[in-house]
Structures are given as C-alpha cells and as structure tokens.
PDB file of N, CA and C in Angstrom:
ATOM      1  N   UNK A   1     -13.422  13.577   2.020  1.00  0.00           N
ATOM      2  CA  UNK A   1     -12.116  12.938   2.101  1.00  0.00           C
ATOM      3  C   UNK A   1     -12.336  11.458   1.849  1.00  0.00           C
ATOM      4  N   UNK A   2     -11.489  10.969   0.876  1.00  0.00           N
ATOM      5  CA  UNK A   2     -11.639   9.565   0.523  1.00  0.00           C
ATOM      6  C   UNK A   2     -10.327   8.961  -0.038  1.00  0.00           C
ATOM      7  N   UNK A   3     -10.141   7.686   0.211  1.00  0.00           N
ATOM      8  CA  UNK A   3      -9.074   6.911  -0.342  1.00  0.00           C
ATOM      9  C   UNK A   3      -9.678   5.679  -1.038  1.00  0.00           C
ATOM     10  N   UNK A   4      -9.278   5.410  -2.281  1.00  0.00           N
ATOM     11  CA  UNK A   4      -9.816   4.307  -3.025  1.00  0.00           C
ATOM     12  C   UNK A   4      -8.708   3.463  -3.586  1.00  0.00           C
ATOM     13  N   UNK A   5      -8.591   2.224  -3.119  1.00  0.00           N
ATOM     14  CA  UNK A   5      -7.563   1.317  -3.580  1.00  0.00           C
ATOM     15  C   UNK A   5      -7.962   0.541  -4.811  1.00  0.00           C
ATOM     16  N   UNK A   6      -7.034   0.150  -5.636  1.00  0.00           N
ATOM     17  CA  UNK A   6      -7.341  -0.752  -6.789  1.00  0.00           C
ATOM     18  C   UNK A   6      -6.052  -1.541  -7.154  1.00  0.00           C
ATOM     19  N   UNK A   7      -6.229  -2.463  -7.985  1.00  0.00           N
ATOM     20  CA  UNK A   7      -5.100  -3.232  -8.465  1.00  0.00           C
ATOM     21  C   UNK A   7      -4.874  -4.596  -7.913  1.00  0.00           C
ATOM     22  N   UNK A   8      -5.627  -4.966  -6.925  1.00  0.00           N
ATOM     23  CA  UNK A   8      -5.464  -6.253  -6.314  1.00  0.00           C
ATOM     24  C   UNK A   8      -5.883  -7.362  -7.251  1.00  0.00           C
ATOM     25  N   UNK A   9      -5.639  -8.598  -6.846  1.00  0.00           N
ATOM     26  CA  UNK A   9      -6.053  -9.763  -7.642  1.00  0.00           C
ATOM     27  C   UNK A   9      -5.224 -11.003  -7.312  1.00  0.00           C
ATOM     28  N   UNK A  10      -5.336 -12.007  -8.133  1.00  0.00           N
ATOM     29  CA  UNK A  10      -4.634 -13.240  -8.003  1.00  0.00           C
ATOM     30  C   UNK A  10      -3.269 -13.199  -8.787  1.00  0.00           C
ATOM     31  N   UNK A  11      -2.224 -13.567  -8.096  1.00  0.00           N
ATOM     32  CA  UNK A  11      -0.874 -13.551  -8.742  1.00  0.00           C
ATOM     33  C   UNK A  11      -0.147 -14.768  -8.304  1.00  0.00           C
ATOM     34  N   UNK A  12       0.683 -15.319  -9.155  1.00  0.00           N
ATOM     35  CA  UNK A  12       1.426 -16.517  -8.864  1.00  0.00           C
ATOM     36  C   UNK A  12       2.700 -16.114  -7.982  1.00  0.00           C
ATOM     37  N   UNK A  13       3.150 -17.012  -7.140  1.00  0.00           N
ATOM     38  CA  UNK A  13       4.400 -16.727  -6.469  1.00  0.00           C
ATOM     39  C   UNK A  13       5.538 -16.330  -7.441  1.00  0.00           C
ATOM     40  N   UNK A  14       6.250 -15.334  -7.083  1.00  0.00           N
ATOM     41  CA  UNK A  14       7.299 -14.823  -7.911  1.00  0.00           C
ATOM     42  C   UNK A  14       6.828 -13.746  -8.893  1.00  0.00           C
ATOM     43  N   UNK A  15       5.571 -13.552  -8.938  1.00  0.00           N
ATOM     44  CA  UNK A  15       5.074 -12.569  -9.896  1.00  0.00           C
ATOM     45  C   UNK A  15       5.040 -11.145  -9.318  1.00  0.00           C
ATOM     46  N   UNK A  16       4.370 -10.288 -10.077  1.00  0.00           N
ATOM     47  CA  UNK A  16       4.326  -8.848  -9.669  1.00  0.00           C
ATOM     48  C   UNK A  16       2.943  -8.321  -9.733  1.00  0.00           C
ATOM     49  N   UNK A  17       2.679  -7.252  -8.938  1.00  0.00           N
ATOM     50  CA  UNK A  17       1.447  -6.622  -8.950  1.00  0.00           C
ATOM     51  C   UNK A  17       1.626  -5.209  -8.464  1.00  0.00           C
ATOM     52  N   UNK A  18       0.816  -4.268  -9.026  1.00  0.00           N
ATOM     53  CA  UNK A  18       0.923  -2.878  -8.593  1.00  0.00           C
ATOM     54  C   UNK A  18      -0.447  -2.431  -8.040  1.00  0.00           C
ATOM     55  N   UNK A  19      -0.372  -2.015  -6.854  1.00  0.00           N
ATOM     56  CA  UNK A  19      -1.597  -1.412  -6.154  1.00  0.00           C
ATOM     57  C   UNK A  19      -1.550   0.103  -6.291  1.00  0.00           C
ATOM     58  N   UNK A  20      -2.736   0.685  -6.420  1.00  0.00           N
ATOM     59  CA  UNK A  20      -2.838   2.150  -6.505  1.00  0.00           C
ATOM     60  C   UNK A  20      -3.905   2.606  -5.453  1.00  0.00           C
ATOM     61  N   UNK A  21      -3.635   3.824  -5.031  1.00  0.00           N
ATOM     62  CA  UNK A  21      -4.580   4.408  -4.053  1.00  0.00           C
ATOM     63  C   UNK A  21      -4.844   5.846  -4.504  1.00  0.00           C
ATOM     64  N   UNK A  22      -6.120   6.134  -4.873  1.00  0.00           N
ATOM     65  CA  UNK A  22      -6.508   7.443  -5.330  1.00  0.00           C
ATOM     66  C   UNK A  22      -7.049   8.249  -4.213  1.00  0.00           C
ATOM     67  N   UNK A  23      -6.514   9.385  -3.928  1.00  0.00           N
ATOM     68  CA  UNK A  23      -6.951  10.256  -2.832  1.00  0.00           C
ATOM     69  C   UNK A  23      -7.738  11.354  -3.347  1.00  0.00           C
ATOM     70  N   UNK A  24      -8.741  11.796  -2.544  1.00  0.00           N
ATOM     71  CA  UNK A  24      -9.543  12.950  -2.989  1.00  0.00           C
ATOM     72  C   UNK A  24     -10.078  13.660  -1.681  1.00  0.00           C
ATOM     73  N   UNK A  25     -10.394  14.946  -1.881  1.00  0.00           N
ATOM     74  CA  UNK A  25     -11.015  15.684  -0.749  1.00  0.00           C
ATOM     75  C   UNK A  25     -10.178  16.251   0.286  1.00  0.00           C
ATOM     76  N   UNK A  26      -8.863  16.170   0.125  1.00  0.00           N
ATOM     77  CA  UNK A  26      -7.923  16.754   1.139  1.00  0.00           C
ATOM     78  C   UNK A  26      -6.595  17.084   0.413  1.00  0.00           C
ATOM     79  N   UNK A  27      -5.760  17.869   1.112  1.00  0.00           N
ATOM     80  CA  UNK A  27      -4.508  18.290   0.531  1.00  0.00           C
ATOM     81  C   UNK A  27      -3.492  17.159   0.600  1.00  0.00           C
ATOM     82  N   UNK A  28      -3.517  16.363  -0.423  1.00  0.00           N
ATOM     83  CA  UNK A  28      -2.648  15.137  -0.491  1.00  0.00           C
ATOM     84  C   UNK A  28      -1.240  15.386  -0.199  1.00  0.00           C
ATOM     85  N   UNK A  29      -0.710  16.507  -0.823  1.00  0.00           N
ATOM     86  CA  UNK A  29       0.772  16.735  -0.760  1.00  0.00           C
ATOM     87  C   UNK A  29       1.196  17.161   0.655  1.00  0.00           C
ATOM     88  N   UNK A  30       0.313  17.328   1.581  1.00  0.00           N
ATOM     89  CA  UNK A  30       0.617  17.731   2.954  1.00  0.00           C
ATOM     90  C   UNK A  30       0.833  16.527   3.849  1.00  0.00           C
ATOM     91  N   UNK A  31       0.432  15.286   3.330  1.00  0.00           N
ATOM     92  CA  UNK A  31       0.418  14.161   4.206  1.00  0.00           C
ATOM     93  C   UNK A  31       1.459  13.103   3.770  1.00  0.00           C
ATOM     94  N   UNK A  32       2.085  12.441   4.761  1.00  0.00           N
ATOM     95  CA  UNK A  32       2.684  11.141   4.475  1.00  0.00           C
ATOM     96  C   UNK A  32       1.582  10.173   4.254  1.00  0.00           C
ATOM     97  N   UNK A  33       1.949   9.131   3.516  1.00  0.00           N
ATOM     98  CA  UNK A  33       0.966   8.013   3.260  1.00  0.00           C
ATOM     99  C   UNK A  33       1.581   6.688   3.597  1.00  0.00           C
ATOM    100  N   UNK A  34       0.742   5.698   3.781  1.00  0.00           N
ATOM    101  CA  UNK A  34       1.240   4.420   4.117  1.00  0.00           C
ATOM    102  C   UNK A  34       0.352   3.327   3.506  1.00  0.00           C
ATOM    103  N   UNK A  35       0.922   2.115   3.423  1.00  0.00           N
ATOM    104  CA  UNK A  35       0.211   0.907   3.013  1.00  0.00           C
ATOM    105  C   UNK A  35       0.276  -0.059   4.205  1.00  0.00           C
ATOM    106  N   UNK A  36      -0.894  -0.678   4.452  1.00  0.00           N
ATOM    107  CA  UNK A  36      -1.042  -1.669   5.488  1.00  0.00           C
ATOM    108  C   UNK A  36      -1.566  -2.919   4.749  1.00  0.00           C
ATOM    109  N   UNK A  37      -1.500  -4.054   5.476  1.00  0.00           N
ATOM    110  CA  UNK A  37      -2.190  -5.255   5.064  1.00  0.00           C
ATOM    111  C   UNK A  37      -2.684  -6.041   6.211  1.00  0.00           C
ATOM    112  N   UNK A  38      -3.761  -6.781   6.006  1.00  0.00           N
ATOM    113  CA  UNK A  38      -4.367  -7.639   7.015  1.00  0.00           C
ATOM    114  C   UNK A  38      -4.692  -8.989   6.437  1.00  0.00           C
ATOM    115  N   UNK A  39      -4.024 -10.037   6.910  1.00  0.00           N
ATOM    116  CA  UNK A  39      -4.249 -11.387   6.559  1.00  0.00           C
ATOM    117  C   UNK A  39      -5.333 -11.954   7.403  1.00  0.00           C
ATOM    118  N   UNK A  40      -6.040 -12.987   6.978  1.00  0.00           N
ATOM    119  CA  UNK A  40      -7.134 -13.581   7.753  1.00  0.00           C
ATOM    120  C   UNK A  40      -6.574 -14.001   9.121  1.00  0.00           C
ATOM    121  N   UNK A  41      -7.278 -13.638  10.197  1.00  0.00           N
ATOM    122  CA  UNK A  41      -6.870 -14.038  11.534  1.00  0.00           C
ATOM    123  C   UNK A  41      -5.704 -13.262  12.116  1.00  0.00           C
ATOM    124  N   UNK A  42      -5.220 -12.280  11.412  1.00  0.00           N
ATOM    125  CA  UNK A  42      -4.083 -11.561  11.891  1.00  0.00           C
ATOM    126  C   UNK A  42      -4.402 -10.056  12.013  1.00  0.00           C
ATOM    127  N   UNK A  43      -3.569  -9.353  12.738  1.00  0.00           N
ATOM    128  CA  UNK A  43      -3.787  -7.904  12.960  1.00  0.00           C
ATOM    129  C   UNK A  43      -3.270  -7.208  11.703  1.00  0.00           C
ATOM    130  N   UNK A  44      -3.796  -5.977  11.551  1.00  0.00           N
ATOM    131  CA  UNK A  44      -3.381  -5.126  10.439  1.00  0.00           C
ATOM    132  C   UNK A  44      -1.896  -4.782  10.678  1.00  0.00           C
ATOM    133  N   UNK A  45      -1.126  -4.888   9.594  1.00  0.00           N
ATOM    134  CA  UNK A  45       0.352  -4.649   9.676  1.00  0.00           C
ATOM    135  C   UNK A  45       0.773  -3.538   8.723  1.00  0.00           C
ATOM    136  N   UNK A  46       1.560  -2.642   9.292  1.00  0.00           N
ATOM    137  CA  UNK A  46       2.150  -1.582   8.510  1.00  0.00           C
ATOM    138  C   UNK A  46       3.193  -2.160   7.575  1.00  0.00           C
ATOM    139  N   UNK A  47       3.072  -1.913   6.244  1.00  0.00           N
ATOM    140  CA  UNK A  47       3.903  -2.466   5.205  1.00  0.00           C
ATOM    141  C   UNK A  47       4.925  -1.475   4.640  1.00  0.00           C
ATOM    142  N   UNK A  48       4.460  -0.262   4.370  1.00  0.00           N
ATOM    143  CA  UNK A  48       5.302   0.738   3.697  1.00  0.00           C
ATOM    144  C   UNK A  48       4.808   2.165   4.054  1.00  0.00           C
ATOM    145  N   UNK A  49       5.787   3.098   4.085  1.00  0.00           N
ATOM    146  CA  UNK A  49       5.434   4.492   4.376  1.00  0.00           C
ATOM    147  C   UNK A  49       6.198   5.351   3.402  1.00  0.00           C
ATOM    148  N   UNK A  50       5.589   6.496   3.142  1.00  0.00           N
ATOM    149  CA  UNK A  50       6.305   7.457   2.266  1.00  0.00           C
ATOM    150  C   UNK A  50       5.951   8.840   2.831  1.00  0.00           C
ATOM    151  N   UNK A  51       6.963   9.691   2.828  1.00  0.00           N
ATOM    152  CA  UNK A  51       6.740  11.066   3.311  1.00  0.00           C
ATOM    153  C   UNK A  51       5.910  11.905   2.337  1.00  0.00           C
ATOM    154  N   UNK A  52       5.510  13.118   2.801  1.00  0.00           N
ATOM    155  CA  UNK A  52       4.632  13.927   1.991  1.00  0.00           C
ATOM    156  C   UNK A  52       5.231  14.309   0.615  1.00  0.00           C
ATOM    157  N   UNK A  53       6.558  14.414   0.602  1.00  0.00           N
ATOM    158  CA  UNK A  53       7.217  14.829  -0.637  1.00  0.00           C
ATOM    159  C   UNK A  53       7.917  13.652  -1.381  1.00  0.00           C
ATOM    160  N   UNK A  54       7.736  12.409  -0.820  1.00  0.00           N
ATOM    161  CA  UNK A  54       8.297  11.264  -1.436  1.00  0.00           C
ATOM    162  C   UNK A  54       9.792  10.997  -1.214  1.00  0.00           C
ATOM    163  N   UNK A  55      10.380  11.893  -0.441  1.00  0.00           N
ATOM    164  CA  UNK A  55      11.842  11.804  -0.269  1.00  0.00           C
ATOM    165  C   UNK A  55      12.269  10.721   0.749  1.00  0.00           C
ATOM    166  N   UNK A  56      11.347  10.326   1.662  1.00  0.00           N
ATOM    167  CA  UNK A  56      11.664   9.381   2.705  1.00  0.00           C
ATOM    168  C   UNK A  56      10.652   8.245   2.557  1.00  0.00           C
ATOM    169  N   UNK A  57      11.193   7.026   2.623  1.00  0.00           N
ATOM    170  CA  UNK A  57      10.348   5.832   2.579  1.00  0.00           C
ATOM    171  C   UNK A  57      10.826   4.865   3.633  1.00  0.00           C
ATOM    172  N   UNK A  58       9.969   3.939   4.008  1.00  0.00           N
ATOM    173  CA  UNK A  58      10.275   2.934   4.966  1.00  0.00           C
ATOM    174  C   UNK A  58       9.461   1.713   4.748  1.00  0.00           C
ATOM    175  N   UNK A  59      10.043   0.522   5.058  1.00  0.00           N
ATOM    176  CA  UNK A  59       9.378  -0.763   4.782  1.00  0.00           C
ATOM    177  C   UNK A  59       9.499  -1.622   5.933  1.00  0.00           C
ATOM    178  N   UNK A  60       8.530  -2.538   6.150  1.00  0.00           N
ATOM    179  CA  UNK A  60       8.670  -3.609   7.110  1.00  0.00           C
ATOM    180  C   UNK A  60       9.698  -4.560   6.544  1.00  0.00           C
ATOM    181  N   UNK A  61      10.375  -5.220   7.445  1.00  0.00           N
ATOM    182  CA  UNK A  61      11.599  -6.028   7.036  1.00  0.00           C
ATOM    183  C   UNK A  61      11.168  -7.130   5.980  1.00  0.00           C
ATOM    184  N   UNK A  62      10.021  -7.667   6.141  1.00  0.00           N
ATOM    185  CA  UNK A  62       9.576  -8.794   5.332  1.00  0.00           C
ATOM    186  C   UNK A  62       9.402  -8.432   3.901  1.00  0.00           C
ATOM    187  N   UNK A  63       9.238  -7.161   3.523  1.00  0.00           N
ATOM    188  CA  UNK A  63       9.008  -6.776   2.111  1.00  0.00           C
ATOM    189  C   UNK A  63      10.196  -5.985   1.527  1.00  0.00           C
ATOM    190  N   UNK A  64      11.160  -5.647   2.325  1.00  0.00           N
ATOM    191  CA  UNK A  64      12.318  -4.910   1.847  1.00  0.00           C
ATOM    192  C   UNK A  64      12.993  -5.585   0.686  1.00  0.00           C
ATOM    193  N   UNK A  65      13.258  -4.818  -0.381  1.00  0.00           N
ATOM    194  CA  UNK A  65      13.788  -5.337  -1.595  1.00  0.00           C
ATOM    195  C   UNK A  65      12.834  -5.941  -2.556  1.00  0.00           C
ATOM    196  N   UNK A  66      11.588  -6.106  -2.158  1.00  0.00           N
ATOM    197  CA  UNK A  66      10.571  -6.655  -3.016  1.00  0.00           C
ATOM    198  C   UNK A  66       9.454  -5.643  -3.363  1.00  0.00           C
ATOM    199  N   UNK A  67       9.111  -4.819  -2.392  1.00  0.00           N
ATOM    200  CA  UNK A  67       8.040  -3.839  -2.544  1.00  0.00           C
ATOM    201  C   UNK A  67       8.599  -2.411  -2.690  1.00  0.00           C
ATOM    202  N   UNK A  68       7.915  -1.603  -3.480  1.00  0.00           N
ATOM    203  CA  UNK A  68       8.347  -0.211  -3.616  1.00  0.00           C
ATOM    204  C   UNK A  68       7.132   0.716  -3.521  1.00  0.00           C
ATOM    205  N   UNK A  69       7.234   1.637  -2.634  1.00  0.00           N
ATOM    206  CA  UNK A  69       6.151   2.582  -2.480  1.00  0.00           C
ATOM    207  C   UNK A  69       6.533   3.904  -3.234  1.00  0.00           C
ATOM    208  N   UNK A  70       5.543   4.577  -3.860  1.00  0.00           N
ATOM    209  CA  UNK A  70       5.853   5.763  -4.602  1.00  0.00           C
ATOM    210  C   UNK A  70       4.602   6.613  -4.550  1.00  0.00           C
ATOM    211  N   UNK A  71       4.704   7.885  -5.010  1.00  0.00           N
ATOM    212  CA  UNK A  71       3.583   8.740  -5.030  1.00  0.00           C
ATOM    213  C   UNK A  71       3.685   9.734  -6.149  1.00  0.00           C
ATOM    214  N   UNK A  72       2.509  10.219  -6.569  1.00  0.00           N
ATOM    215  CA  UNK A  72       2.437  11.277  -7.585  1.00  0.00           C
ATOM    216  C   UNK A  72       1.555  12.350  -6.981  1.00  0.00           C
ATOM    217  N   UNK A  73       2.091  13.400  -6.519  1.00  0.00           N
ATOM    218  CA  UNK A  73       1.276  14.440  -5.792  1.00  0.00           C
ATOM    219  C   UNK A  73       0.345  15.183  -6.823  1.00  0.00           C
ATOM    220  N   UNK A  74       0.815  15.254  -8.096  1.00  0.00           N
ATOM    221  CA  UNK A  74      -0.005  15.866  -9.073  1.00  0.00           C
ATOM    222  C   UNK A  74      -1.357  15.113  -9.311  1.00  0.00           C
ATOM    223  N   UNK A  75      -1.259  13.758  -9.337  1.00  0.00           N
ATOM    224  CA  UNK A  75      -2.382  12.947  -9.560  1.00  0.00           C
ATOM    225  C   UNK A  75      -3.083  12.511  -8.249  1.00  0.00           C
ATOM    226  N   UNK A  76      -2.460  12.818  -7.107  1.00  0.00           N
ATOM    227  CA  UNK A  76      -2.928  12.405  -5.799  1.00  0.00           C
ATOM    228  C   UNK A  76      -3.031  10.890  -5.669  1.00  0.00           C
ATOM    229  N   UNK A  77      -2.051  10.258  -6.083  1.00  0.00           N
ATOM    230  CA  UNK A  77      -1.958   8.769  -6.088  1.00  0.00           C
ATOM    231  C   UNK A  77      -0.758   8.282  -5.324  1.00  0.00           C
ATOM    232  N   UNK A  78      -0.938   7.237  -4.477  1.00  0.00           N
ATOM    233  CA  UNK A  78       0.188   6.525  -3.838  1.00  0.00           C
ATOM    234  C   UNK A  78       0.085   5.091  -4.394  1.00  0.00           C
ATOM    235  N   UNK A  79       1.226   4.577  -4.792  1.00  0.00           N
ATOM    236  CA  UNK A  79       1.255   3.210  -5.354  1.00  0.00           C
ATOM    237  C   UNK A  79       2.131   2.280  -4.483  1.00  0.00           C
ATOM    238  N   UNK A  80       1.892   1.015  -4.694  1.00  0.00           N
ATOM    239  CA  UNK A  80       2.761   0.003  -4.084  1.00  0.00           C
ATOM    240  C   UNK A  80       3.037  -1.061  -5.121  1.00  0.00           C
ATOM    241  N   UNK A  81       4.299  -1.033  -5.581  1.00  0.00           N
ATOM    242  CA  UNK A  81       4.766  -2.041  -6.562  1.00  0.00           C
ATOM    243  C   UNK A  81       5.261  -3.299  -5.787  1.00  0.00           C
ATOM    244  N   UNK A  82       4.657  -4.437  -6.115  1.00  0.00           N
ATOM    245  CA  UNK A  82       4.962  -5.607  -5.363  1.00  0.00           C
ATOM    246  C   UNK A  82       5.629  -6.631  -6.298  1.00  0.00           C
ATOM    247  N   UNK A  83       6.889  -6.913  -6.099  1.00  0.00           N
ATOM    248  CA  UNK A  83       7.647  -7.800  -6.992  1.00  0.00           C
ATOM    249  C   UNK A  83       8.037  -9.086  -6.184  1.00  0.00           C
ATOM    250  N   UNK A  84       8.236 -10.217  -6.856  1.00  0.00           N
ATOM    251  CA  UNK A  84       8.698 -11.472  -6.254  1.00  0.00           C
ATOM    252  C   UNK A  84       7.774 -11.780  -5.098  1.00  0.00           C
ATOM    253  N   UNK A  85       6.506 -11.762  -5.322  1.00  0.00           N
ATOM    254  CA  UNK A  85       5.512 -11.936  -4.264  1.00  0.00           C
ATOM    255  C   UNK A  85       5.609 -13.395  -3.738  1.00  0.00           C
ATOM    256  N   UNK A  86       5.171 -13.500  -2.506  1.00  0.00           N
ATOM    257  CA  UNK A  86       5.165 -14.791  -1.816  1.00  0.00           C
ATOM    258  C   UNK A  86       3.810 -15.135  -1.292  1.00  0.00           C
ATOM    259  N   UNK A  87       3.512 -16.338  -1.054  1.00  0.00           N
ATOM    260  CA  UNK A  87       2.140 -16.768  -0.482  1.00  0.00           C
ATOM    261  C   UNK A  87       1.844 -15.955   0.785  1.00  0.00           C
ATOM    262  N   UNK A  88       2.837 -15.649   1.591  1.00  0.00           N
ATOM    263  CA  UNK A  88       2.605 -14.977   2.818  1.00  0.00           C
ATOM    264  C   UNK A  88       2.263 -13.500   2.605  1.00  0.00           C
ATOM    265  N   UNK A  89       2.314 -13.002   1.412  1.00  0.00           N
ATOM    266  CA  UNK A  89       1.937 -11.628   1.110  1.00  0.00           C
ATOM    267  C   UNK A  89       0.372 -11.593   0.885  1.00  0.00           C
ATOM    268  N   UNK A  90      -0.255 -12.713   0.921  1.00  0.00           N
ATOM    269  CA  UNK A  90      -1.731 -12.766   0.731  1.00  0.00           C
ATOM    270  C   UNK A  90      -2.408 -12.011   1.842  1.00  0.00           C
ATOM    271  N   UNK A  91      -3.223 -11.026   1.479  1.00  0.00           N
ATOM    272  CA  UNK A  91      -3.926 -10.177   2.524  1.00  0.00           C
ATOM    273  C   UNK A  91      -4.723  -9.187   1.817  1.00  0.00           C
ATOM    274  N   UNK A  92      -5.613  -8.468   2.571  1.00  0.00           N
ATOM    275  CA  UNK A  92      -6.269  -7.245   2.067  1.00  0.00           C
ATOM    276  C   UNK A  92      -5.368  -6.093   2.321  1.00  0.00           C
ATOM    277  N   UNK A  93      -5.082  -5.337   1.325  1.00  0.00           N
ATOM    278  CA  UNK A  93      -4.155  -4.180   1.386  1.00  0.00           C
ATOM    279  C   UNK A  93      -4.900  -2.872   1.454  1.00  0.00           C
ATOM    280  N   UNK A  94      -4.550  -2.041   2.420  1.00  0.00           N
ATOM    281  CA  UNK A  94      -5.221  -0.801   2.653  1.00  0.00           C
ATOM    282  C   UNK A  94      -4.205   0.383   2.544  1.00  0.00           C
ATOM    283  N   UNK A  95      -4.575   1.440   1.929  1.00  0.00           N
ATOM    284  CA  UNK A  95      -3.758   2.668   2.102  1.00  0.00           C
ATOM    285  C   UNK A  95      -4.332   3.525   3.214  1.00  0.00           C
ATOM    286  N   UNK A  96      -3.412   4.225   3.880  1.00  0.00           N
ATOM    287  CA  UNK A  96      -3.782   5.021   4.972  1.00  0.00           C
ATOM    288  C   UNK A  96      -3.220   6.404   4.872  1.00  0.00           C
ATOM    289  N   UNK A  97      -3.918   7.415   5.362  1.00  0.00           N
ATOM    290  CA  UNK A  97      -3.390   8.788   5.347  1.00  0.00           C
ATOM    291  C   UNK A  97      -2.462   8.940   6.593  1.00  0.00           C
ATOM    292  N   UNK A  98      -1.432   9.514   6.427  1.00  0.00           N
ATOM    293  CA  UNK A  98      -0.375   9.848   7.403  1.00  0.00           C
ATOM    294  C   UNK A  98       0.769   8.787   7.387  1.00  0.00           C
ATOM    295  N   UNK A  99       1.904   9.210   7.772  1.00  0.00           N
ATOM    296  CA  UNK A  99       3.065   8.307   7.862  1.00  0.00           C
ATOM    297  C   UNK A  99       2.842   7.262   8.905  1.00  0.00           C
ATOM    298  N   UNK A 100       2.191   7.626  10.019  1.00  0.00           N
ATOM    299  CA  UNK A 100       1.916   6.642  11.065  1.00  0.00           C
ATOM    300  C   UNK A 100       0.614   7.152  11.763  1.00  0.00           C
ATOM    301  N   UNK A 101      -0.126   6.127  12.296  1.00  0.00           N
ATOM    302  CA  UNK A 101      -1.326   6.549  12.990  1.00  0.00           C
ATOM    303  C   UNK A 101      -2.378   7.021  12.047  1.00  0.00           C
ATOM    304  N   UNK A 102      -2.642   6.294  10.957  1.00  0.00           N
ATOM    305  CA  UNK A 102      -3.550   6.763   9.905  1.00  0.00           C
ATOM    306  C   UNK A 102      -4.930   7.057  10.493  1.00  0.00           C
ATOM    307  N   UNK A 103      -5.446   8.210   9.940  1.00  0.00           N
ATOM    308  CA  UNK A 103      -6.801   8.634  10.396  1.00  0.00           C
ATOM    309  C   UNK A 103      -7.874   8.489   9.313  1.00  0.00           C
ATOM    310  N   UNK A 104      -7.453   8.020   8.162  1.00  0.00           N
ATOM    311  CA  UNK A 104      -8.338   7.826   7.012  1.00  0.00           C
ATOM    312  C   UNK A 104      -7.883   6.619   6.292  1.00  0.00           C
ATOM    313  N   UNK A 105      -8.847   5.703   5.974  1.00  0.00           N
ATOM    314  CA  UNK A 105      -8.525   4.494   5.271  1.00  0.00           C
ATOM    315  C   UNK A 105      -9.337   4.259   4.020  1.00  0.00           C
ATOM    316  N   UNK A 106      -8.810   3.479   3.082  1.00  0.00           N
ATOM    317  CA  UNK A 106      -9.608   3.058   1.988  1.00  0.00           C
ATOM    318  C   UNK A 106     -10.356   1.809   2.349  1.00  0.00           C
ATOM    319  N   UNK A 107     -11.016   1.293   1.351  1.00  0.00           N
ATOM    320  CA  UNK A 107     -11.884   0.072   1.616  1.00  0.00           C
ATOM    321  C   UNK A 107     -11.056  -1.250   1.521  1.00  0.00           C
ATOM    322  N   UNK A 108      -9.886  -1.107   0.952  1.00  0.00           N
ATOM    323  CA  UNK A 108      -8.986  -2.274   0.801  1.00  0.00           C
ATOM    324  C   UNK A 108      -9.106  -2.947  -0.513  1.00  0.00           C
ATOM    325  N   UNK A 109      -8.065  -3.695  -0.923  1.00  0.00           N
ATOM    326  CA  UNK A 109      -8.069  -4.425  -2.120  1.00  0.00           C
ATOM    327  C   UNK A 109      -7.367  -5.835  -1.851  1.00  0.00           C
ATOM    328  N   UNK A 110      -8.016  -6.854  -2.232  1.00  0.00           N
ATOM    329  CA  UNK A 110      -7.511  -8.226  -1.922  1.00  0.00           C
ATOM    330  C   UNK A 110      -6.366  -8.582  -2.829  1.00  0.00           C
ATOM    331  N   UNK A 111      -5.312  -9.081  -2.211  1.00  0.00           N
ATOM    332  CA  UNK A 111      -4.157  -9.661  -2.991  1.00  0.00           C
ATOM    333  C   UNK A 111      -4.050 -11.132  -2.529  1.00  0.00           C
ATOM    334  N   UNK A 112      -4.094 -12.002  -3.491  1.00  0.00           N
ATOM    335  CA  UNK A 112      -3.946 -13.429  -3.234  1.00  0.00           C
ATOM    336  C   UNK A 112      -2.770 -13.967  -4.053  1.00  0.00           C
ATOM    337  N   UNK A 113      -1.801 -14.559  -3.370  1.00  0.00           N
ATOM    338  CA  UNK A 113      -0.617 -15.151  -4.019  1.00  0.00           C
ATOM    339  C   UNK A 113      -0.731 -16.685  -3.962  1.00  0.00           C
ATOM    340  N   UNK A 114      -0.930 -17.286  -5.138  1.00  0.00           N
ATOM    341  CA  UNK A 114      -1.195 -18.695  -5.150  1.00  0.00           C
ATOM    342  C   UNK A 114      -0.890 -19.211  -6.507  1.00  0.00           C
ATOM    343  N   UNK A 115      -0.417 -20.442  -6.552  1.00  0.00           N
ATOM    344  CA  UNK A 115      -0.194 -21.120  -7.855  1.00  0.00           C
ATOM    345  C   UNK A 115      -1.421 -21.916  -8.257  1.00  0.00           C
TER     346      UNK A 115
END
C-alpha cells in the first residue's frame, strides 16, 4: 500500500500548480481521499476531501474557489489543482487515504509560493 505525491515546486503568487497522488496496493475506488498541508512550525491542516466516487468534495475555507480536488479511479490518481496561489499556501502537501482520519500517507511534496 503506497501513496506517492508529485508536482510540487516554486510558483509565483497568483500562479497555478497541479499536485498528483498516485495510489497503489489497495482498492483505491473504495476510499475517500484527502489532501493535507503542513507549513513550518504549524500543525498539519486538512485542505480538501473527495468521496470514493468523486461526487462529494469539501474544502477548508481558505482555499475555497482557488483549489480543486479531483480523482481518476481508473488511473488510481487524486489531484489537487491550485489556482491563484498565495504565499500562505507555502507548505508540504500530503495526500491521505480516507475522507477523514487518514491511515496512509504519502511522503509529501513541497510547494513554495514566492516572487
């Protein structure tokens, strides 16, 4: 069972970035999935959630209207489209298995928003 994130990097304020999380070793389409982030000196924060079939999504207030979570159950991938990014979005981003209370994590991917 494994989750592997990719797509992080340096982006300017107002720019866009797409994160991907490749799942393997478990029945991906049976699980809700989520994206979290952790900034230096702060606790890990739940950012976005998506149900097992993609029909239900939820976002933390600070990213609503800017971030979009999606999934492709055929490819076993969950993505996070980040638009109009802000410096406060700088963090390590993790995908987690389950809608809430994740029991499996990826290694994380660094996102830095800076001019």
